Amino acid sequence: MNTQVIFKIDKELKNSAMKKAEQHGITLSSFLKLATTAFIEDKIKVGILSSENLNQGTVAELKEIQKDIQKGKNISRGFSNSKTAADYLRK
């Protein structure tokens, strides 16, 4: 069974991605499917990259946050609605 994923993206970014995918002989949809599969199989690492020049303290803090995320540490559980989240925060 297939499902549809819908998200908003800048038009120029989408067009550039479609053009690049076409240059590689695939559709953008096919690329996104391949990228999703690679992500699930841990063949793609998600990290923090920035074009900004960050100071060493900020870089160190971001690396620690990334480590916490990978360990599932310092992350609140998911909530299905805002009332449940607010109740959790009040406790």
C-alpha atoms as a PDB file:
ATOM      1  CA  MET A   1       0.000   0.000   0.000  1.00  0.00           C
ATOM      2  CA  ASN A   2       1.345   3.428  -0.903  1.00  0.00           C
ATOM      3  CA  THR A   3       0.684   6.682   0.887  1.00  0.00           C
ATOM      4  CA  GLN A   4       1.180  10.294  -0.088  1.00  0.00           C
ATOM      5  CA  VAL A   5       3.515  12.743   1.662  1.00  0.00           C
ATOM      6  CA  ILE A   6       2.739  16.423   1.227  1.00  0.00           C
ATOM      7  CA  PHE A   7       4.956  19.256   2.391  1.00  0.00           C
ATOM      8  CA  LYS A   8       5.625  22.849   1.431  1.00  0.00           C
ATOM      9  CA  ILE A   9       8.886  23.783  -0.272  1.00  0.00           C
ATOM     10  CA  ASP A  10      10.156  26.918  -1.980  1.00  0.00           C
ATOM     11  CA  LYS A  11       9.275  26.827  -5.696  1.00  0.00           C
ATOM     12  CA  GLU A  12      12.825  27.637  -6.839  1.00  0.00           C
ATOM     13  CA  LEU A  13      14.249  24.932  -4.568  1.00  0.00           C
ATOM     14  CA  LYS A  14      11.789  22.382  -5.959  1.00  0.00           C
ATOM     15  CA  ASN A  15      12.571  23.342  -9.554  1.00  0.00           C
ATOM     16  CA  SER A  16      16.320  23.116  -8.917  1.00  0.00           C
ATOM     17  CA  ALA A  17      15.903  19.707  -7.286  1.00  0.00           C
ATOM     18  CA  MET A  18      13.749  18.464 -10.166  1.00  0.00           C
ATOM     19  CA  LYS A  19      16.339  19.673 -12.687  1.00  0.00           C
ATOM     20  CA  LYS A  20      19.199  17.995 -10.819  1.00  0.00           C
ATOM     21  CA  ALA A  21      17.262  14.738 -10.456  1.00  0.00           C
ATOM     22  CA  GLU A  22      16.493  14.835 -14.175  1.00  0.00           C
ATOM     23  CA  GLN A  23      20.211  15.268 -14.926  1.00  0.00           C
ATOM     24  CA  HIS A  24      20.745  12.012 -13.030  1.00  0.00           C
ATOM     25  CA  GLY A  25      18.013  10.307 -15.026  1.00  0.00           C
ATOM     26  CA  ILE A  26      15.401  10.033 -12.276  1.00  0.00           C
ATOM     27  CA  THR A  27      12.345  11.927 -11.118  1.00  0.00           C
ATOM     28  CA  LEU A  28      12.318  14.003  -7.948  1.00  0.00           C
ATOM     29  CA  SER A  29       9.735  11.593  -6.555  1.00  0.00           C
ATOM     30  CA  SER A  30      12.083   8.643  -7.164  1.00  0.00           C
ATOM     31  CA  PHE A  31      14.945  10.522  -5.526  1.00  0.00           C
ATOM     32  CA  LEU A  32      12.852  11.285  -2.449  1.00  0.00           C
ATOM     33  CA  LYS A  33      11.826   7.621  -2.170  1.00  0.00           C
ATOM     34  CA  LEU A  34      15.478   6.552  -2.424  1.00  0.00           C
ATOM     35  CA  ALA A  35      16.539   9.162   0.131  1.00  0.00           C
ATOM     36  CA  THR A  36      13.809   8.051   2.550  1.00  0.00           C
ATOM     37  CA  THR A  37      14.891   4.423   2.237  1.00  0.00           C
ATOM     38  CA  ALA A  38      18.539   5.379   2.739  1.00  0.00           C
ATOM     39  CA  PHE A  39      17.592   7.391   5.835  1.00  0.00           C
ATOM     40  CA  ILE A  40      15.738   4.427   7.335  1.00  0.00           C
ATOM     41  CA  GLU A  41      18.699   2.147   6.621  1.00  0.00           C
ATOM     42  CA  ASP A  42      21.099   4.621   8.309  1.00  0.00           C
ATOM     43  CA  LYS A  43      22.880   5.299   5.033  1.00  0.00           C
ATOM     44  CA  ILE A  44      22.191   9.023   5.432  1.00  0.00           C
ATOM     45  CA  LYS A  45      23.390  10.837   8.520  1.00  0.00           C
ATOM     46  CA  VAL A  46      21.496  13.907   9.615  1.00  0.00           C
ATOM     47  CA  GLY A  47      23.733  16.591  11.020  1.00  0.00           C
ATOM     48  CA  ILE A  48      23.849  20.281  11.573  1.00  0.00           C
ATOM     49  CA  LEU A  49      25.443  22.218   8.757  1.00  0.00           C
ATOM     50  CA  SER A  50      25.435  25.935   8.523  1.00  0.00           C
ATOM     51  CA  SER A  51      26.665  28.511   6.104  1.00  0.00           C
ATOM     52  CA  GLU A  52      27.041  30.844   9.055  1.00  0.00           C
ATOM     53  CA  ASN A  53      30.313  31.144  10.915  1.00  0.00           C
ATOM     54  CA  LEU A  54      29.397  29.919  14.383  1.00  0.00           C
ATOM     55  CA  ASN A  55      31.655  30.435  17.370  1.00  0.00           C
ATOM     56  CA  GLN A  56      33.203  27.373  19.011  1.00  0.00           C
ATOM     57  CA  GLY A  57      30.849  27.513  21.992  1.00  0.00           C
ATOM     58  CA  THR A  58      27.771  27.377  19.778  1.00  0.00           C
ATOM     59  CA  VAL A  59      29.234  24.552  17.680  1.00  0.00           C
ATOM     60  CA  ALA A  60      30.000  22.552  20.849  1.00  0.00           C
ATOM     61  CA  GLU A  61      26.490  23.157  22.189  1.00  0.00           C
ATOM     62  CA  LEU A  62      24.883  22.053  18.906  1.00  0.00           C
ATOM     63  CA  LYS A  63      27.003  18.882  18.889  1.00  0.00           C
ATOM     64  CA  GLU A  64      25.883  18.061  22.436  1.00  0.00           C
ATOM     65  CA  ILE A  65      22.249  18.642  21.487  1.00  0.00           C
ATOM     66  CA  GLN A  66      22.685  16.353  18.484  1.00  0.00           C
ATOM     67  CA  LYS A  67      24.180  13.625  20.709  1.00  0.00           C
ATOM     68  CA  ASP A  68      21.248  13.968  23.126  1.00  0.00           C
ATOM     69  CA  ILE A  69      18.773  13.629  20.253  1.00  0.00           C
ATOM     70  CA  GLN A  70      20.500  10.479  19.001  1.00  0.00           C
ATOM     71  CA  LYS A  71      20.335   8.997  22.512  1.00  0.00           C
ATOM     72  CA  GLY A  72      16.715  10.071  22.984  1.00  0.00           C
ATOM     73  CA  LYS A  73      17.834  12.166  25.960  1.00  0.00           C
ATOM     74  CA  ASN A  74      16.309  15.511  27.027  1.00  0.00           C
ATOM     75  CA  ILE A  75      13.409  15.065  24.611  1.00  0.00           C
ATOM     76  CA  SER A  76       9.789  15.237  25.660  1.00  0.00           C
ATOM     77  CA  ARG A  77       7.432  12.562  24.442  1.00  0.00           C
ATOM     78  CA  GLY A  78       5.095  13.203  21.524  1.00  0.00           C
ATOM     79  CA  PHE A  79       1.640  14.643  22.118  1.00  0.00           C
ATOM     80  CA  SER A  80      -1.497  14.197  20.065  1.00  0.00           C
ATOM     81  CA  ASN A  81      -2.942  17.578  21.028  1.00  0.00           C
ATOM     82  CA  SER A  82      -2.077  20.803  22.831  1.00  0.00           C
ATOM     83  CA  LYS A  83      -4.205  20.035  25.922  1.00  0.00           C
ATOM     84  CA  THR A  84      -2.239  16.866  26.637  1.00  0.00           C
ATOM     85  CA  ALA A  85       1.038  18.762  26.167  1.00  0.00           C
ATOM     86  CA  ALA A  86      -0.074  21.577  28.484  1.00  0.00           C
ATOM     87  CA  ASP A  87      -1.216  19.076  31.146  1.00  0.00           C
ATOM     88  CA  TYR A  88       2.171  17.327  30.916  1.00  0.00           C
ATOM     89  CA  LEU A  89       4.029  20.634  31.353  1.00  0.00           C
ATOM     90  CA  ARG A  90       1.916  21.599  34.384  1.00  0.00           C
ATOM     91  CA  LYS A  91       2.949  18.420  36.246  1.00  0.00           C
END
